[in-house]
Amino acid sequence: MRLKEVVIQLQIMYNELFLTAVRMSTPSRKRLMRDFKRLQQDPPAGISGAPQDNNIMLWNAVIFGPDDTPWDGGTFKLSLQFSEDYPNKPPTVRFVSRMFHPNIYADGSICLDILQNQWSPIYDVAAILTSIQSLLCDPNPNSPANSEAARMFSDNKRDYNRKVREVVEQSWTAD
């Protein structure tokens, strides 16, 4: 699909979502529409996201592994589930792609302070995804969600990086 076709499809999706949000407008839905518009107009490098099936409360996102890191070249899918309490409460975010990381649980849930006790309504979807992308390269092994990955990250960086590269390669073919 050419870039122009993708842009047209995104604009159509935005218009449909906007009309739906106007009809069912709540503070959380209005905020999510604003987040979506901002993410489409000024996307951070290596990040994309959009509501799923015209449901502004459920998003699919992709984070590309940062350049010059073991994650380089990876394409990692996530899901974000928002409640009517957003932005006062964080969304539930999890990786759909298989991951090997000290702060990511086996089910894809993410141990990240801004998604828990450090949440603030100032965070938007772009900030959430950017923080998760940063976490890939800067894990906190002292708060492990995956003890094997944390131990390997601390004790044997070479083996850890090899496992990460395996996950990156799997991300190319995974659905």
C-alpha atoms as a PDB file:
ATOM      1  CA  MET A   1       0.000   0.000   0.000  1.00  0.00           C
ATOM      2  CA  ARG A   2       1.405   3.383  -0.931  1.00  0.00           C
ATOM      3  CA  LEU A   3       1.891   6.131   1.636  1.00  0.00           C
ATOM      4  CA  LYS A   4      -0.807   8.305   0.058  1.00  0.00           C
ATOM      5  CA  GLU A   5      -3.351   5.466   0.392  1.00  0.00           C
ATOM      6  CA  VAL A   6      -2.375   4.939   4.036  1.00  0.00           C
ATOM      7  CA  VAL A   7      -2.788   8.655   4.757  1.00  0.00           C
ATOM      8  CA  ILE A   8      -6.224   8.666   3.111  1.00  0.00           C
ATOM      9  CA  GLN A   9      -7.294   5.599   5.103  1.00  0.00           C
ATOM     10  CA  LEU A  10      -6.097   7.180   8.351  1.00  0.00           C
ATOM     11  CA  GLN A  11      -8.023  10.370   7.540  1.00  0.00           C
ATOM     12  CA  ILE A  12     -11.192   8.364   6.838  1.00  0.00           C
ATOM     13  CA  MET A  13     -10.707   6.461  10.104  1.00  0.00           C
ATOM     14  CA  TYR A  14     -10.150   9.713  11.991  1.00  0.00           C
ATOM     15  CA  ASN A  15     -13.322  11.239  10.517  1.00  0.00           C
ATOM     16  CA  GLU A  16     -15.398   8.158  11.413  1.00  0.00           C
ATOM     17  CA  LEU A  17     -13.979   8.118  14.930  1.00  0.00           C
ATOM     18  CA  PHE A  18     -14.567  11.835  15.311  1.00  0.00           C
ATOM     19  CA  LEU A  19     -18.229  11.481  14.369  1.00  0.00           C
ATOM     20  CA  THR A  20     -18.625   8.524  16.740  1.00  0.00           C
ATOM     21  CA  ALA A  21     -16.887  10.414  19.537  1.00  0.00           C
ATOM     22  CA  VAL A  22     -19.114  13.452  19.049  1.00  0.00           C
ATOM     23  CA  ARG A  23     -22.197  11.262  19.354  1.00  0.00           C
ATOM     24  CA  MET A  24     -20.862   9.425  22.404  1.00  0.00           C
ATOM     25  CA  SER A  25     -18.766  12.168  23.853  1.00  0.00           C
ATOM     26  CA  THR A  26     -17.370  11.721  27.321  1.00  0.00           C
ATOM     27  CA  PRO A  27     -14.256  13.396  28.723  1.00  0.00           C
ATOM     28  CA  SER A  28     -12.180  10.239  28.180  1.00  0.00           C
ATOM     29  CA  ARG A  29     -13.341   9.798  24.578  1.00  0.00           C
ATOM     30  CA  LYS A  30     -12.684  13.464  23.774  1.00  0.00           C
ATOM     31  CA  ARG A  31      -9.208  13.167  25.250  1.00  0.00           C
ATOM     32  CA  LEU A  32      -8.500   9.986  23.276  1.00  0.00           C
ATOM     33  CA  MET A  33      -9.603  11.697  20.057  1.00  0.00           C
ATOM     34  CA  ARG A  34      -7.193  14.515  20.855  1.00  0.00           C
ATOM     35  CA  ASP A  35      -4.423  11.962  21.576  1.00  0.00           C
ATOM     36  CA  PHE A  36      -5.139  10.181  18.270  1.00  0.00           C
ATOM     37  CA  LYS A  37      -5.083  13.406  16.277  1.00  0.00           C
ATOM     38  CA  ARG A  38      -1.827  14.484  17.924  1.00  0.00           C
ATOM     39  CA  LEU A  39      -0.241  11.073  17.309  1.00  0.00           C
ATOM     40  CA  GLN A  40      -1.211  11.194  13.606  1.00  0.00           C
ATOM     41  CA  GLN A  41      -0.030  14.776  13.098  1.00  0.00           C
ATOM     42  CA  ASP A  42       3.263  14.539  14.993  1.00  0.00           C
ATOM     43  CA  PRO A  43       4.210  10.906  15.612  1.00  0.00           C
ATOM     44  CA  PRO A  44       7.321  10.256  17.708  1.00  0.00           C
ATOM     45  CA  ALA A  45      10.061   8.370  15.869  1.00  0.00           C
ATOM     46  CA  GLY A  46       9.534   4.630  15.824  1.00  0.00           C
ATOM     47  CA  ILE A  47       5.996   4.669  17.201  1.00  0.00           C
ATOM     48  CA  SER A  48       2.535   4.324  15.728  1.00  0.00           C
ATOM     49  CA  GLY A  49      -0.877   3.696  17.185  1.00  0.00           C
ATOM     50  CA  ALA A  50      -4.555   3.901  16.327  1.00  0.00           C
ATOM     51  CA  PRO A  51      -7.920   2.828  17.706  1.00  0.00           C
ATOM     52  CA  GLN A  52      -8.994  -0.685  16.807  1.00  0.00           C
ATOM     53  CA  ASP A  53     -12.103  -1.207  14.669  1.00  0.00           C
ATOM     54  CA  ASN A  54     -13.438   2.302  15.283  1.00  0.00           C
ATOM     55  CA  ASN A  55     -13.396   1.732  19.061  1.00  0.00           C
ATOM     56  CA  ILE A  56     -11.624   4.714  20.580  1.00  0.00           C
ATOM     57  CA  MET A  57     -11.282   2.838  23.901  1.00  0.00           C
ATOM     58  CA  LEU A  58      -9.162  -0.005  22.443  1.00  0.00           C
ATOM     59  CA  TRP A  59      -5.963   0.736  20.531  1.00  0.00           C
ATOM     60  CA  ASN A  60      -3.341  -1.213  18.629  1.00  0.00           C
ATOM     61  CA  ALA A  61       0.178   0.161  18.599  1.00  0.00           C
ATOM     62  CA  VAL A  62       3.563  -0.686  17.164  1.00  0.00           C
ATOM     63  CA  ILE A  63       6.938   0.196  18.609  1.00  0.00           C
ATOM     64  CA  PHE A  64       9.991  -0.209  16.423  1.00  0.00           C
ATOM     65  CA  GLY A  65      13.190  -1.210  18.192  1.00  0.00           C
ATOM     66  CA  PRO A  66      15.481   1.789  18.674  1.00  0.00           C
ATOM     67  CA  ASP A  67      18.445   2.038  16.298  1.00  0.00           C
ATOM     68  CA  ASP A  68      21.882   0.891  17.435  1.00  0.00           C
ATOM     69  CA  THR A  69      20.480  -1.250  20.257  1.00  0.00           C
ATOM     70  CA  PRO A  70      19.861  -4.997  20.531  1.00  0.00           C
ATOM     71  CA  TRP A  71      16.195  -4.149  19.774  1.00  0.00           C
ATOM     72  CA  ASP A  72      17.121  -2.500  16.445  1.00  0.00           C
ATOM     73  CA  GLY A  73      14.951  -3.751  13.592  1.00  0.00           C
ATOM     74  CA  GLY A  74      12.236  -5.223  15.804  1.00  0.00           C
ATOM     75  CA  THR A  75       8.546  -4.535  15.226  1.00  0.00           C
ATOM     76  CA  PHE A  76       6.641  -4.995  18.471  1.00  0.00           C
ATOM     77  CA  LYS A  77       2.853  -4.937  18.713  1.00  0.00           C
ATOM     78  CA  LEU A  78       0.949  -3.719  21.756  1.00  0.00           C
ATOM     79  CA  SER A  79      -2.645  -3.307  22.856  1.00  0.00           C
ATOM     80  CA  LEU A  80      -3.946  -0.427  24.959  1.00  0.00           C
ATOM     81  CA  GLN A  81      -7.288  -0.646  26.760  1.00  0.00           C
ATOM     82  CA  PHE A  82      -8.685   2.612  28.125  1.00  0.00           C
ATOM     83  CA  SER A  83     -11.450   3.048  30.675  1.00  0.00           C
ATOM     84  CA  GLU A  84     -13.865   5.930  31.064  1.00  0.00           C
ATOM     85  CA  ASP A  85     -11.532   7.099  33.869  1.00  0.00           C
ATOM     86  CA  TYR A  86      -8.793   8.001  31.361  1.00  0.00           C
ATOM     87  CA  PRO A  87      -6.806  10.287  31.645  1.00  0.00           C
ATOM     88  CA  ASN A  88      -7.234  10.179  35.421  1.00  0.00           C
ATOM     89  CA  LYS A  89      -6.267   6.491  35.390  1.00  0.00           C
ATOM     90  CA  PRO A  90      -3.725   4.829  33.090  1.00  0.00           C
ATOM     91  CA  PRO A  91      -4.680   2.419  30.348  1.00  0.00           C
ATOM     92  CA  THR A  92      -3.934  -1.281  30.535  1.00  0.00           C
ATOM     93  CA  VAL A  93      -1.035  -1.787  28.155  1.00  0.00           C
ATOM     94  CA  ARG A  94       0.513  -5.062  27.120  1.00  0.00           C
ATOM     95  CA  PHE A  95       2.761  -6.412  24.426  1.00  0.00           C
ATOM     96  CA  VAL A  96       1.036  -8.714  21.978  1.00  0.00           C
ATOM     97  CA  SER A  97       4.429  -9.643  20.522  1.00  0.00           C
ATOM     98  CA  ARG A  98       6.553 -12.128  22.431  1.00  0.00           C
ATOM     99  CA  MET A  99       9.140 -10.257  24.510  1.00  0.00           C
ATOM    100  CA  PHE A 100      12.223 -11.041  26.598  1.00  0.00           C
ATOM    101  CA  HIS A 101      12.810  -8.123  28.941  1.00  0.00           C
ATOM    102  CA  PRO A 102      13.326  -7.672  32.698  1.00  0.00           C
ATOM    103  CA  ASN A 103      10.233  -5.447  33.025  1.00  0.00           C
ATOM    104  CA  ILE A 104       7.787  -7.350  30.816  1.00  0.00           C
ATOM    105  CA  TYR A 105       5.742 -10.248  32.194  1.00  0.00           C
ATOM    106  CA  ALA A 106       5.151 -13.465  30.241  1.00  0.00           C
ATOM    107  CA  ASP A 107       1.598 -12.287  29.398  1.00  0.00           C
ATOM    108  CA  GLY A 108       2.968  -9.056  27.881  1.00  0.00           C
ATOM    109  CA  SER A 109       2.041  -6.812  30.822  1.00  0.00           C
ATOM    110  CA  ILE A 110       4.554  -4.065  31.472  1.00  0.00           C
ATOM    111  CA  CYS A 111       6.122  -3.096  34.787  1.00  0.00           C
ATOM    112  CA  LEU A 112       6.570   0.640  34.243  1.00  0.00           C
ATOM    113  CA  ASP A 113       6.066   3.270  36.929  1.00  0.00           C
ATOM    114  CA  ILE A 114       4.050   5.665  34.744  1.00  0.00           C
ATOM    115  CA  LEU A 115       1.521   2.890  34.109  1.00  0.00           C
ATOM    116  CA  GLN A 116       1.160   2.358  37.845  1.00  0.00           C
ATOM    117  CA  ASN A 117       2.008   4.542  40.834  1.00  0.00           C
ATOM    118  CA  GLN A 118       3.592   7.416  38.869  1.00  0.00           C
ATOM    119  CA  TRP A 119       0.674   7.925  36.479  1.00  0.00           C
ATOM    120  CA  SER A 120      -0.382  11.492  35.727  1.00  0.00           C
ATOM    121  CA  PRO A 121      -3.166  12.800  33.468  1.00  0.00           C
ATOM    122  CA  ILE A 122      -0.535  14.812  31.586  1.00  0.00           C
ATOM    123  CA  TYR A 123       0.631  11.599  29.887  1.00  0.00           C
ATOM    124  CA  ASP A 124      -0.941  11.015  26.493  1.00  0.00           C
ATOM    125  CA  VAL A 125      -0.721   7.977  24.220  1.00  0.00           C
ATOM    126  CA  ALA A 126       2.452   9.258  22.546  1.00  0.00           C
ATOM    127  CA  ALA A 127       4.152   9.718  25.935  1.00  0.00           C
ATOM    128  CA  ILE A 128       3.093   6.236  27.054  1.00  0.00           C
ATOM    129  CA  LEU A 129       4.463   4.585  23.916  1.00  0.00           C
ATOM    130  CA  THR A 130       7.655   6.663  24.000  1.00  0.00           C
ATOM    131  CA  SER A 131       8.244   5.637  27.624  1.00  0.00           C
ATOM    132  CA  ILE A 132       7.770   1.977  26.732  1.00  0.00           C
ATOM    133  CA  GLN A 133      10.172   2.329  23.804  1.00  0.00           C
ATOM    134  CA  SER A 134      12.748   3.870  26.174  1.00  0.00           C
ATOM    135  CA  LEU A 135      12.211   1.058  28.676  1.00  0.00           C
ATOM    136  CA  LEU A 136      13.330  -1.472  26.056  1.00  0.00           C
ATOM    137  CA  CYS A 137      16.861  -0.044  26.128  1.00  0.00           C
ATOM    138  CA  ASP A 138      16.920   1.014  29.761  1.00  0.00           C
ATOM    139  CA  PRO A 139      15.426  -1.795  31.848  1.00  0.00           C
ATOM    140  CA  ASN A 140      15.167  -1.748  35.621  1.00  0.00           C
ATOM    141  CA  PRO A 141      16.477  -5.153  36.768  1.00  0.00           C
ATOM    142  CA  ASN A 142      15.730  -4.190  40.399  1.00  0.00           C
ATOM    143  CA  SER A 143      11.989  -4.393  39.705  1.00  0.00           C
ATOM    144  CA  PRO A 144      11.808  -7.529  37.579  1.00  0.00           C
ATOM    145  CA  ALA A 145       8.703  -8.876  35.926  1.00  0.00           C
ATOM    146  CA  ASN A 146      10.848 -11.534  34.246  1.00  0.00           C
ATOM    147  CA  SER A 147      13.480 -12.773  36.706  1.00  0.00           C
ATOM    148  CA  GLU A 148      15.394 -14.757  34.060  1.00  0.00           C
ATOM    149  CA  ALA A 149      15.739 -11.682  31.831  1.00  0.00           C
ATOM    150  CA  ALA A 150      16.713  -9.509  34.823  1.00  0.00           C
ATOM    151  CA  ARG A 151      19.372 -11.988  35.954  1.00  0.00           C
ATOM    152  CA  MET A 152      20.750 -12.341  32.431  1.00  0.00           C
ATOM    153  CA  PHE A 153      20.726  -8.549  31.900  1.00  0.00           C
ATOM    154  CA  SER A 154      22.721  -8.047  35.129  1.00  0.00           C
ATOM    155  CA  ASP A 155      25.071 -11.041  34.937  1.00  0.00           C
ATOM    156  CA  ASN A 156      25.566 -11.881  31.270  1.00  0.00           C
ATOM    157  CA  LYS A 157      24.798  -9.029  28.870  1.00  0.00           C
ATOM    158  CA  ARG A 158      26.051 -11.037  25.889  1.00  0.00           C
ATOM    159  CA  ASP A 159      23.519 -13.837  26.414  1.00  0.00           C
ATOM    160  CA  TYR A 160      20.808 -11.276  27.178  1.00  0.00           C
ATOM    161  CA  ASN A 161      21.475  -9.448  23.903  1.00  0.00           C
ATOM    162  CA  ARG A 162      21.435 -12.778  22.027  1.00  0.00           C
ATOM    163  CA  LYS A 163      17.983 -13.587  23.473  1.00  0.00           C
ATOM    164  CA  VAL A 164      16.759 -10.098  22.564  1.00  0.00           C
ATOM    165  CA  ARG A 165      17.978 -10.584  18.981  1.00  0.00           C
ATOM    166  CA  GLU A 166      15.975 -13.843  18.827  1.00  0.00           C
ATOM    167  CA  VAL A 167      12.864 -11.921  19.891  1.00  0.00           C
ATOM    168  CA  VAL A 168      13.608  -9.244  17.278  1.00  0.00           C
ATOM    169  CA  GLU A 169      13.841 -11.884  14.546  1.00  0.00           C
ATOM    170  CA  GLN A 170      10.580 -13.478  15.713  1.00  0.00           C
ATOM    171  CA  SER A 171       8.886 -10.069  15.522  1.00  0.00           C
ATOM    172  CA  TRP A 172       9.416 -10.044  11.755  1.00  0.00           C
ATOM    173  CA  THR A 173       7.250 -13.088  11.179  1.00  0.00           C
ATOM    174  CA  ALA A 174       4.801 -13.066  14.091  1.00  0.00           C
ATOM    175  CA  ASP A 175       1.186 -12.093  13.462  1.00  0.00           C
END
